[in-house]
């Protein structure tokens, strides 16, 4: 996702990258091998042990001077992409939590909603790439029917209230590590397809070694509060 954003005109001043990769024995993100997981030359804003719930909530808080959220203005297009572990066993009512590998801290869905709804921008796309991610963006158990009302947003999750699947390394026939759904989704965005077309393409993708498409495996969800998913892309006006 970092390189796709850079390829479409985003500078490092436009990107706030929080990356935990400490002691990762599976993937060398600085391998300089040109593969999609290679981040040689990338500018990482917050790294390793500092990538935790406390710092994440700080950066999403518009009222904290110097935070990432405080720098966003009303004409901005905002993309929030979150990838890590999720759970529906930590807080009451089976509501979902998003976890941080550095210290196993977490942010609850209500904490996230209460922070993000304060961000004033022209439009935003939120991607939650974790297990139980559909639950994380929905108020109750009616997944896909009770979305949090985040203004001016398109909300996309990698699954409903079930596991999201990924490749742990790129030694597979698909040739990439990471999210089965969002890797394909962003690859389509990179080809200037719309959010809707990219979502449908990724939904119908069959991962290597599987017999069913992603929609049958984990059922990704989308909520378009803007009504522009069929037109919004890297080449639309305004662009993604």
Protein backbone atom coordinates (compact mmCIF):
# COMPACT_ATOMS: atom_id res chain seq x y z
CA UNK A 1 0.00 0.00 0.00
CA UNK A 2 2.88 2.37 0.80
CA UNK A 3 4.41 1.96 -2.64
CA UNK A 4 1.05 2.20 -4.40
CA UNK A 5 0.40 5.53 -2.69
CA UNK A 6 3.87 6.75 -3.66
CA UNK A 7 3.30 5.60 -7.24
CA UNK A 8 0.13 7.69 -7.39
CA UNK A 9 1.62 10.97 -6.27
CA UNK A 10 1.60 10.74 -2.48
CA UNK A 11 4.81 12.05 -0.95
CA UNK A 12 6.18 10.98 2.41
CA UNK A 13 4.80 14.25 3.77
CA UNK A 14 1.34 12.90 2.84
CA UNK A 15 1.87 9.48 4.43
CA UNK A 16 2.05 8.67 8.14
CA UNK A 17 3.45 5.14 8.40
CA UNK A 18 3.41 3.21 11.66
CA UNK A 19 5.26 -0.10 11.25
CA UNK A 20 5.99 -2.91 13.68
CA UNK A 21 8.51 -5.38 12.29
CA UNK A 22 10.85 -5.98 15.23
CA UNK A 23 12.57 -9.38 15.23
CA UNK A 24 10.52 -10.59 12.26
CA UNK A 25 12.20 -13.84 11.29
CA UNK A 26 9.80 -14.54 8.41
CA UNK A 27 10.04 -11.49 6.16
CA UNK A 28 12.95 -9.10 5.72
CA UNK A 29 11.20 -5.87 4.75
CA UNK A 30 14.57 -4.32 3.93
CA UNK A 31 15.71 -7.11 1.62
CA UNK A 32 16.04 -4.70 -1.32
CA UNK A 33 14.66 -7.43 -3.58
CA UNK A 34 11.94 -5.34 -5.24
CA UNK A 35 9.12 -7.55 -4.00
CA UNK A 36 5.90 -5.96 -2.76
CA UNK A 37 6.87 -6.48 0.89
CA UNK A 38 10.20 -4.70 0.46
CA UNK A 39 10.28 -1.32 2.21
CA UNK A 40 13.88 -0.37 1.47
CA UNK A 41 13.88 3.41 1.15
CA UNK A 42 10.50 3.89 2.80
CA UNK A 43 10.12 6.61 5.42
CA UNK A 44 8.71 5.08 8.61
CA UNK A 45 7.26 7.66 11.01
CA UNK A 46 6.68 5.42 14.04
CA UNK A 47 8.50 2.13 14.43
CA UNK A 48 8.54 -1.08 16.47
CA UNK A 49 7.84 -0.68 20.23
CA UNK A 50 6.29 2.77 19.73
CA UNK A 51 3.58 1.27 17.51
CA UNK A 52 1.01 0.72 20.25
CA UNK A 53 -2.54 1.71 21.13
CA UNK A 54 -1.47 4.75 23.12
CA UNK A 55 0.48 6.26 20.23
CA UNK A 56 -2.17 5.30 17.69
CA UNK A 57 -4.93 7.02 19.68
CA UNK A 58 -2.69 10.05 20.11
CA UNK A 59 -2.14 10.38 16.35
CA UNK A 60 -5.90 10.05 15.63
CA UNK A 61 -6.83 12.74 18.16
CA UNK A 62 -7.56 16.05 16.41
CA UNK A 63 -7.31 17.94 19.71
CA UNK A 64 -3.66 17.00 20.31
CA UNK A 65 -1.33 19.58 18.78
CA UNK A 66 1.15 18.00 16.40
CA UNK A 67 -0.82 14.78 15.94
CA UNK A 68 -1.38 13.40 12.46
CA UNK A 69 -5.12 14.03 12.70
CA UNK A 70 -4.59 17.66 13.71
CA UNK A 71 -2.82 18.31 10.39
CA UNK A 72 -5.79 17.23 8.26
CA UNK A 73 -7.79 20.04 6.64
CA UNK A 74 -11.32 20.10 5.25
CA UNK A 75 -10.24 19.72 1.60
CA UNK A 76 -8.11 16.64 2.22
CA UNK A 77 -8.82 13.11 1.01
CA UNK A 78 -7.92 10.72 3.84
CA UNK A 79 -7.07 7.02 3.72
CA UNK A 80 -6.76 5.01 6.94
CA UNK A 81 -5.37 1.50 6.46
CA UNK A 82 -5.00 -0.68 9.57
CA UNK A 83 -3.52 -4.18 9.53
CA UNK A 84 -2.83 -6.30 12.63
CA UNK A 85 -4.72 -8.74 14.84
CA UNK A 86 -8.36 -8.45 15.89
CA UNK A 87 -10.51 -10.08 18.55
CA UNK A 88 -14.15 -10.27 19.62
CA UNK A 89 -13.41 -11.78 23.05
CA UNK A 90 -11.87 -8.90 24.99
CA UNK A 91 -14.68 -6.42 25.69
CA UNK A 92 -18.31 -6.96 26.61
CA UNK A 93 -21.04 -7.77 24.13
CA UNK A 94 -18.58 -9.50 21.76
CA UNK A 95 -17.63 -6.08 20.38
CA UNK A 96 -14.37 -6.13 18.47
CA UNK A 97 -10.93 -4.82 19.38
CA UNK A 98 -7.92 -4.05 17.19
CA UNK A 99 -4.59 -5.16 18.67
CA UNK A 100 -0.98 -3.97 18.44
CA UNK A 101 1.71 -6.62 18.30
CA UNK A 102 4.32 -4.50 20.10
CA UNK A 103 2.70 -4.78 23.52
CA UNK A 104 -0.67 -6.47 22.84
CA UNK A 105 -2.46 -3.24 23.66
CA UNK A 106 -5.68 -2.58 21.80
CA UNK A 107 -8.16 0.04 20.73
CA UNK A 108 -11.85 -0.75 21.00
CA UNK A 109 -14.27 -0.08 18.18
CA UNK A 110 -15.99 2.70 20.15
CA UNK A 111 -12.66 4.38 20.93
CA UNK A 112 -11.77 4.31 17.24
CA UNK A 113 -15.16 5.65 16.19
CA UNK A 114 -15.11 8.48 18.73
CA UNK A 115 -11.72 9.63 17.45
CA UNK A 116 -12.25 9.27 13.71
CA UNK A 117 -15.68 10.92 13.63
CA UNK A 118 -14.01 14.16 14.78
CA UNK A 119 -11.75 14.34 11.73
CA UNK A 120 -12.98 16.96 9.28
CA UNK A 121 -11.98 16.17 5.71
CA UNK A 122 -13.62 16.09 2.29
CA UNK A 123 -13.78 12.30 2.17
CA UNK A 124 -12.09 9.29 3.71
CA UNK A 125 -11.64 5.61 3.00
CA UNK A 126 -11.11 3.35 6.02
CA UNK A 127 -9.68 -0.15 5.51
CA UNK A 128 -9.66 -2.49 8.51
CA UNK A 129 -7.54 -5.56 7.76
CA UNK A 130 -7.90 -7.86 10.75
CA UNK A 131 -9.95 -10.75 12.02
CA UNK A 132 -13.48 -9.74 13.05
CA UNK A 133 -13.05 -6.44 11.18
CA UNK A 134 -16.69 -6.30 10.11
CA UNK A 135 -17.61 -6.37 13.78
CA UNK A 136 -15.08 -3.59 14.48
CA UNK A 137 -16.92 -1.11 12.24
CA UNK A 138 -20.44 -2.21 13.20
CA UNK A 139 -22.25 -1.17 16.37
CA UNK A 140 -23.83 -4.52 17.24
CA UNK A 141 -24.15 -8.08 16.00
CA UNK A 142 -26.02 -7.07 12.82
CA UNK A 143 -22.80 -7.06 10.80
CA UNK A 144 -23.24 -5.12 7.58
CA UNK A 145 -26.48 -3.53 8.80
CA UNK A 146 -25.39 -1.38 11.77
CA UNK A 147 -22.31 0.50 10.59
CA UNK A 148 -20.79 3.27 12.69
CA UNK A 149 -21.84 6.62 11.26
CA UNK A 150 -18.45 8.01 10.31
CA UNK A 151 -19.11 11.13 8.21
CA UNK A 152 -17.94 11.38 4.60
CA UNK A 153 -16.54 7.87 4.57
CA UNK A 154 -16.29 4.61 2.70
CA UNK A 155 -15.73 1.76 5.15
CA UNK A 156 -14.20 -1.52 4.00
CA UNK A 157 -13.36 -4.59 6.08
CA UNK A 158 -11.53 -7.77 5.18
CA UNK A 159 -14.16 -9.99 6.83
CA UNK A 160 -17.40 -10.06 8.79
CA UNK A 161 -17.21 -11.30 12.41
CA UNK A 162 -14.89 -14.15 11.46
CA UNK A 163 -11.21 -14.75 10.73
CA UNK A 164 -9.40 -12.89 7.97
CA UNK A 165 -6.78 -14.92 6.15
CA UNK A 166 -3.34 -13.96 4.89
CA UNK A 167 -0.08 -15.37 3.61
CA UNK A 168 2.66 -15.26 6.26
CA UNK A 169 5.38 -14.99 3.59
CA UNK A 170 5.63 -14.68 -0.18
CA UNK A 171 6.69 -18.29 -0.81
CA UNK A 172 3.34 -19.23 -2.33
CA UNK A 173 1.83 -19.36 -5.80
CA UNK A 174 0.17 -15.96 -5.29
CA UNK A 175 3.64 -14.46 -4.78
CA UNK A 176 2.84 -12.06 -1.95
CA UNK A 177 2.70 -11.96 1.83
CA UNK A 178 -0.18 -10.48 3.75
CA UNK A 179 -3.91 -10.07 3.31
CA UNK A 180 -5.71 -12.31 0.84
CA UNK A 181 -8.35 -9.64 0.35
CA UNK A 182 -6.66 -6.26 0.67
CA UNK A 183 -3.56 -7.17 -1.32
CA UNK A 184 -5.78 -7.91 -4.32
CA UNK A 185 -8.03 -4.92 -3.60
CA UNK A 186 -5.11 -2.49 -3.58
CA UNK A 187 -3.52 -4.12 -6.61
CA UNK A 188 -6.71 -3.28 -8.53
CA UNK A 189 -6.76 0.29 -7.19
CA UNK A 190 -3.19 0.58 -8.43
CA UNK A 191 -4.51 -0.18 -11.93
CA UNK A 192 -6.84 2.84 -11.63
CA UNK A 193 -9.98 0.80 -11.07
CA UNK A 194 -12.71 2.24 -8.87
CA UNK A 195 -13.24 1.23 -5.25
CA UNK A 196 -16.35 -0.73 -6.21
CA UNK A 197 -14.66 -2.60 -9.07
CA UNK A 198 -11.61 -3.33 -6.90
CA UNK A 199 -13.82 -4.60 -4.08
CA UNK A 200 -15.77 -6.92 -6.36
CA UNK A 201 -12.62 -8.21 -8.05
CA UNK A 202 -10.98 -9.00 -4.70
CA UNK A 203 -14.18 -10.61 -3.43
CA UNK A 204 -14.17 -13.02 -6.36
CA UNK A 205 -10.45 -13.79 -6.20
CA UNK A 206 -9.55 -17.40 -5.41
CA UNK A 207 -6.31 -17.59 -3.38
CA UNK A 208 -3.74 -20.17 -4.41
CA UNK A 209 -4.64 -23.64 -3.19
CA UNK A 210 -8.23 -22.69 -2.36
CA UNK A 211 -11.40 -23.77 -4.14
CA UNK A 212 -13.66 -20.92 -3.02
CA UNK A 213 -13.42 -17.17 -3.66
CA UNK A 214 -12.66 -14.75 -0.84
CA UNK A 215 -16.30 -13.70 -0.51
CA UNK A 216 -17.16 -17.26 0.56
CA UNK A 217 -14.12 -17.61 2.82
CA UNK A 218 -14.37 -14.41 4.88
CA UNK A 219 -17.08 -12.21 3.31
CA UNK A 220 -15.50 -8.71 3.16
CA UNK A 221 -17.85 -5.80 3.84
CA UNK A 222 -18.28 -2.31 2.37
CA UNK A 223 -20.35 0.69 3.42
CA UNK A 224 -20.43 3.75 1.16
CA UNK A 225 -21.56 6.79 3.14
CA UNK A 226 -20.49 9.05 0.27
CA UNK A 227 -22.17 7.35 -2.69
CA UNK A 228 -18.99 7.49 -4.79
CA UNK A 229 -17.56 3.96 -4.63
CA UNK A 230 -18.42 3.42 -8.30
CA UNK A 231 -16.40 6.49 -9.37
CA UNK A 232 -13.69 7.14 -6.74
CA UNK A 233 -10.26 6.03 -7.91
CA UNK A 234 -6.72 7.32 -8.34
CA UNK A 235 -7.79 8.99 -11.60
CA UNK A 236 -11.16 10.43 -10.55
CA UNK A 237 -11.77 14.10 -9.74
CA UNK A 238 -10.95 14.50 -6.94
CA UNK A 239 -8.62 11.50 -6.93
CA UNK A 240 -8.27 8.94 -4.18
